[in-house]
C-alpha cells in the first residue's frame, strides 16, 4: 500500500491501526492503549500517524491513526 498526500513523499505501509475515544477518561488513557499495543506488537515499525479531533454538541472524539509496517519475522 502507498499513502500519498499533498507532499511528494509516497509512504509504503502494510497496515493501519486506529485508536479512538469519545469519553474524557478514555481520551486520557489513549496513549497508554497505544503503548500497550506497541509492546504487544514488537515487530511493528510506525511509518506515519494522523491525529484527528472532532466534536458535536455532546461528544468530543479523539482518533489516532497509525500507519505501520509489520516485520515478516
N, C-alpha and C. Protein backbone atom coordinates (compact mmCIF):
# COMPACT_ATOMS: atom_id res chain seq x y z
N UNK A 1 0.84 -1.18 0.00
CA UNK A 1 0.00 0.00 0.00
C UNK A 1 0.87 1.23 0.00
N UNK A 2 0.39 2.27 -0.61
CA UNK A 2 1.11 3.54 -0.60
C UNK A 2 0.17 4.62 -0.13
N UNK A 3 0.71 5.56 0.60
CA UNK A 3 -0.07 6.68 1.08
C UNK A 3 0.48 7.93 0.44
N UNK A 4 -0.37 8.68 -0.20
CA UNK A 4 0.10 9.92 -0.79
C UNK A 4 -0.79 11.06 -0.32
N UNK A 5 -0.18 12.14 0.01
CA UNK A 5 -0.90 13.32 0.44
C UNK A 5 -0.56 14.47 -0.47
N UNK A 6 -0.57 15.66 0.08
CA UNK A 6 -0.26 16.84 -0.73
C UNK A 6 1.24 16.95 -1.02
N UNK A 7 2.06 16.23 -0.26
CA UNK A 7 3.51 16.29 -0.48
C UNK A 7 3.94 15.32 -1.56
N UNK A 8 5.23 15.26 -1.78
CA UNK A 8 5.76 14.40 -2.82
C UNK A 8 6.18 13.02 -2.30
N UNK A 9 6.12 12.80 -0.99
CA UNK A 9 6.54 11.53 -0.41
C UNK A 9 5.45 10.49 -0.57
N UNK A 10 5.83 9.31 -1.02
CA UNK A 10 4.94 8.17 -1.02
C UNK A 10 5.41 7.24 0.08
N UNK A 11 4.57 7.01 1.07
CA UNK A 11 4.93 6.16 2.18
C UNK A 11 4.36 4.77 1.95
N UNK A 12 5.18 3.76 2.10
CA UNK A 12 4.75 2.38 1.96
C UNK A 12 4.43 1.84 3.35
N UNK A 13 3.27 1.19 3.49
CA UNK A 13 2.90 0.60 4.76
C UNK A 13 2.09 -0.67 4.51
N UNK A 14 2.08 -1.54 5.51
CA UNK A 14 1.37 -2.81 5.37
C UNK A 14 0.11 -2.88 6.22
N UNK A 15 -0.07 -1.94 7.14
CA UNK A 15 -1.25 -1.97 7.99
C UNK A 15 -1.59 -0.62 8.57
N UNK A 16 -2.82 -0.55 9.07
CA UNK A 16 -3.33 0.67 9.71
C UNK A 16 -4.02 0.26 11.00
N UNK A 17 -3.76 1.00 12.07
CA UNK A 17 -4.42 0.75 13.35
C UNK A 17 -5.00 2.07 13.83
N UNK A 18 -6.29 2.06 14.18
CA UNK A 18 -6.97 3.28 14.63
C UNK A 18 -7.34 3.12 16.10
N UNK A 19 -6.97 4.10 16.89
CA UNK A 19 -7.35 4.18 18.29
C UNK A 19 -8.26 5.39 18.43
N UNK A 20 -9.43 5.22 19.05
CA UNK A 20 -10.33 6.35 19.19
C UNK A 20 -11.05 6.30 20.53
N UNK A 21 -11.48 7.47 20.98
CA UNK A 21 -12.19 7.56 22.25
C UNK A 21 -13.08 8.80 22.23
N UNK A 22 -14.24 8.69 22.88
CA UNK A 22 -15.15 9.83 22.98
C UNK A 22 -15.31 10.32 24.42
N UNK A 23 -15.17 9.44 25.38
CA UNK A 23 -15.34 9.83 26.78
C UNK A 23 -14.02 10.39 27.31
N UNK A 24 -14.12 11.34 28.25
CA UNK A 24 -12.93 12.03 28.77
C UNK A 24 -11.92 11.05 29.35
N UNK A 25 -12.37 10.10 30.15
CA UNK A 25 -11.45 9.14 30.76
C UNK A 25 -10.78 8.27 29.69
N UNK A 26 -11.53 7.86 28.66
CA UNK A 26 -10.96 7.08 27.57
C UNK A 26 -9.91 7.89 26.81
N UNK A 27 -10.20 9.17 26.57
CA UNK A 27 -9.23 10.02 25.87
C UNK A 27 -7.95 10.15 26.68
N UNK A 28 -8.09 10.27 28.00
CA UNK A 28 -6.92 10.38 28.86
C UNK A 28 -6.05 9.12 28.81
N UNK A 29 -6.66 7.96 28.56
CA UNK A 29 -5.94 6.69 28.57
C UNK A 29 -5.51 6.24 27.18
N UNK A 30 -5.78 7.03 26.16
CA UNK A 30 -5.49 6.62 24.79
C UNK A 30 -4.00 6.36 24.57
N UNK A 31 -3.14 7.18 25.11
CA UNK A 31 -1.70 6.98 24.98
C UNK A 31 -1.24 5.67 25.58
N UNK A 32 -1.82 5.30 26.72
CA UNK A 32 -1.48 4.03 27.36
C UNK A 32 -1.94 2.85 26.50
N UNK A 33 -3.11 2.97 25.87
CA UNK A 33 -3.59 1.90 25.00
C UNK A 33 -2.66 1.71 23.80
N UNK A 34 -2.17 2.82 23.26
CA UNK A 34 -1.25 2.74 22.13
C UNK A 34 0.07 2.09 22.57
N UNK A 35 0.57 2.50 23.72
CA UNK A 35 1.81 1.93 24.25
C UNK A 35 1.66 0.42 24.47
N UNK A 36 0.54 -0.02 25.01
CA UNK A 36 0.29 -1.44 25.22
C UNK A 36 0.27 -2.19 23.89
N UNK A 37 -0.38 -1.61 22.88
CA UNK A 37 -0.46 -2.25 21.58
C UNK A 37 0.93 -2.37 20.96
N UNK A 38 1.73 -1.31 21.07
CA UNK A 38 3.09 -1.34 20.54
C UNK A 38 3.94 -2.41 21.23
N UNK A 39 3.80 -2.54 22.55
CA UNK A 39 4.54 -3.57 23.29
C UNK A 39 4.10 -4.96 22.88
N UNK A 40 2.81 -5.12 22.59
CA UNK A 40 2.27 -6.42 22.20
C UNK A 40 2.61 -6.77 20.75
N UNK A 41 3.07 -5.79 19.98
CA UNK A 41 3.41 -5.97 18.57
C UNK A 41 4.81 -5.43 18.30
N UNK A 42 5.84 -6.10 18.83
CA UNK A 42 7.20 -5.57 18.74
C UNK A 42 7.76 -5.52 17.32
N UNK A 43 7.17 -6.23 16.37
CA UNK A 43 7.67 -6.21 15.00
C UNK A 43 7.10 -5.09 14.16
N UNK A 44 6.40 -4.17 14.79
CA UNK A 44 5.74 -3.08 14.06
C UNK A 44 6.65 -1.86 13.99
N UNK A 45 6.79 -1.31 12.80
CA UNK A 45 7.52 -0.06 12.60
C UNK A 45 6.51 1.01 12.17
N UNK A 46 6.36 2.05 12.99
CA UNK A 46 5.41 3.12 12.68
C UNK A 46 5.99 3.97 11.54
N UNK A 47 5.21 4.12 10.48
CA UNK A 47 5.63 4.87 9.30
C UNK A 47 5.10 6.30 9.35
N UNK A 48 3.85 6.45 9.80
CA UNK A 48 3.24 7.78 9.87
C UNK A 48 2.08 7.72 10.86
N UNK A 49 1.58 8.88 11.24
CA UNK A 49 0.45 8.96 12.16
C UNK A 49 -0.40 10.17 11.81
N UNK A 50 -1.68 10.06 12.13
CA UNK A 50 -2.61 11.18 11.95
C UNK A 50 -3.42 11.29 13.23
N UNK A 51 -3.50 12.48 13.79
CA UNK A 51 -4.32 12.74 14.97
C UNK A 51 -5.51 13.57 14.51
N UNK A 52 -6.72 13.06 14.83
CA UNK A 52 -7.94 13.73 14.40
C UNK A 52 -8.81 14.01 15.61
N UNK A 53 -9.33 15.22 15.67
CA UNK A 53 -10.25 15.59 16.74
C UNK A 53 -11.53 16.09 16.11
N UNK A 54 -12.65 15.61 16.60
CA UNK A 54 -13.94 16.09 16.12
C UNK A 54 -14.89 16.20 17.30
N UNK A 55 -15.90 17.01 17.15
CA UNK A 55 -16.86 17.16 18.25
C UNK A 55 -18.20 17.63 17.72
N UNK A 56 -19.22 17.37 18.51
CA UNK A 56 -20.54 17.92 18.27
C UNK A 56 -21.03 18.49 19.60
N UNK A 57 -22.32 18.68 19.76
CA UNK A 57 -22.83 19.30 20.99
C UNK A 57 -22.55 18.46 22.23
N UNK A 58 -22.52 17.14 22.08
CA UNK A 58 -22.42 16.28 23.25
C UNK A 58 -21.09 15.53 23.38
N UNK A 59 -20.42 15.25 22.28
CA UNK A 59 -19.24 14.38 22.33
C UNK A 59 -18.03 15.03 21.68
N UNK A 60 -16.87 14.66 22.23
CA UNK A 60 -15.60 15.08 21.66
C UNK A 60 -14.84 13.79 21.36
N UNK A 61 -14.50 13.58 20.12
CA UNK A 61 -13.83 12.34 19.73
C UNK A 61 -12.37 12.65 19.36
N UNK A 62 -11.49 11.80 19.85
CA UNK A 62 -10.08 11.88 19.51
C UNK A 62 -9.71 10.56 18.85
N UNK A 63 -9.11 10.63 17.69
CA UNK A 63 -8.66 9.42 16.99
C UNK A 63 -7.19 9.58 16.63
N UNK A 64 -6.44 8.52 16.86
CA UNK A 64 -5.04 8.47 16.47
C UNK A 64 -4.90 7.29 15.52
N UNK A 65 -4.49 7.57 14.31
CA UNK A 65 -4.35 6.54 13.27
C UNK A 65 -2.87 6.31 13.02
N UNK A 66 -2.46 5.07 13.15
CA UNK A 66 -1.06 4.69 12.94
C UNK A 66 -0.95 3.89 11.65
N UNK A 67 -0.02 4.28 10.79
CA UNK A 67 0.31 3.54 9.57
C UNK A 67 1.63 2.83 9.86
N UNK A 68 1.66 1.54 9.61
CA UNK A 68 2.84 0.78 10.03
C UNK A 68 3.23 -0.29 9.01
N UNK A 69 4.46 -0.77 9.18
CA UNK A 69 4.96 -1.96 8.50
C UNK A 69 5.19 -3.00 9.57
N UNK A 70 4.72 -4.20 9.30
CA UNK A 70 4.95 -5.32 10.22
C UNK A 70 6.08 -6.16 9.67
N UNK A 71 7.05 -6.48 10.51
CA UNK A 71 8.17 -7.30 10.05
C UNK A 71 7.69 -8.71 9.76
N UNK A 72 8.34 -9.36 8.84
CA UNK A 72 7.94 -10.70 8.42
C UNK A 72 8.70 -11.78 9.19
N UNK A 73 9.17 -11.47 10.38
CA UNK A 73 9.93 -12.46 11.16
C UNK A 73 9.03 -13.35 11.96
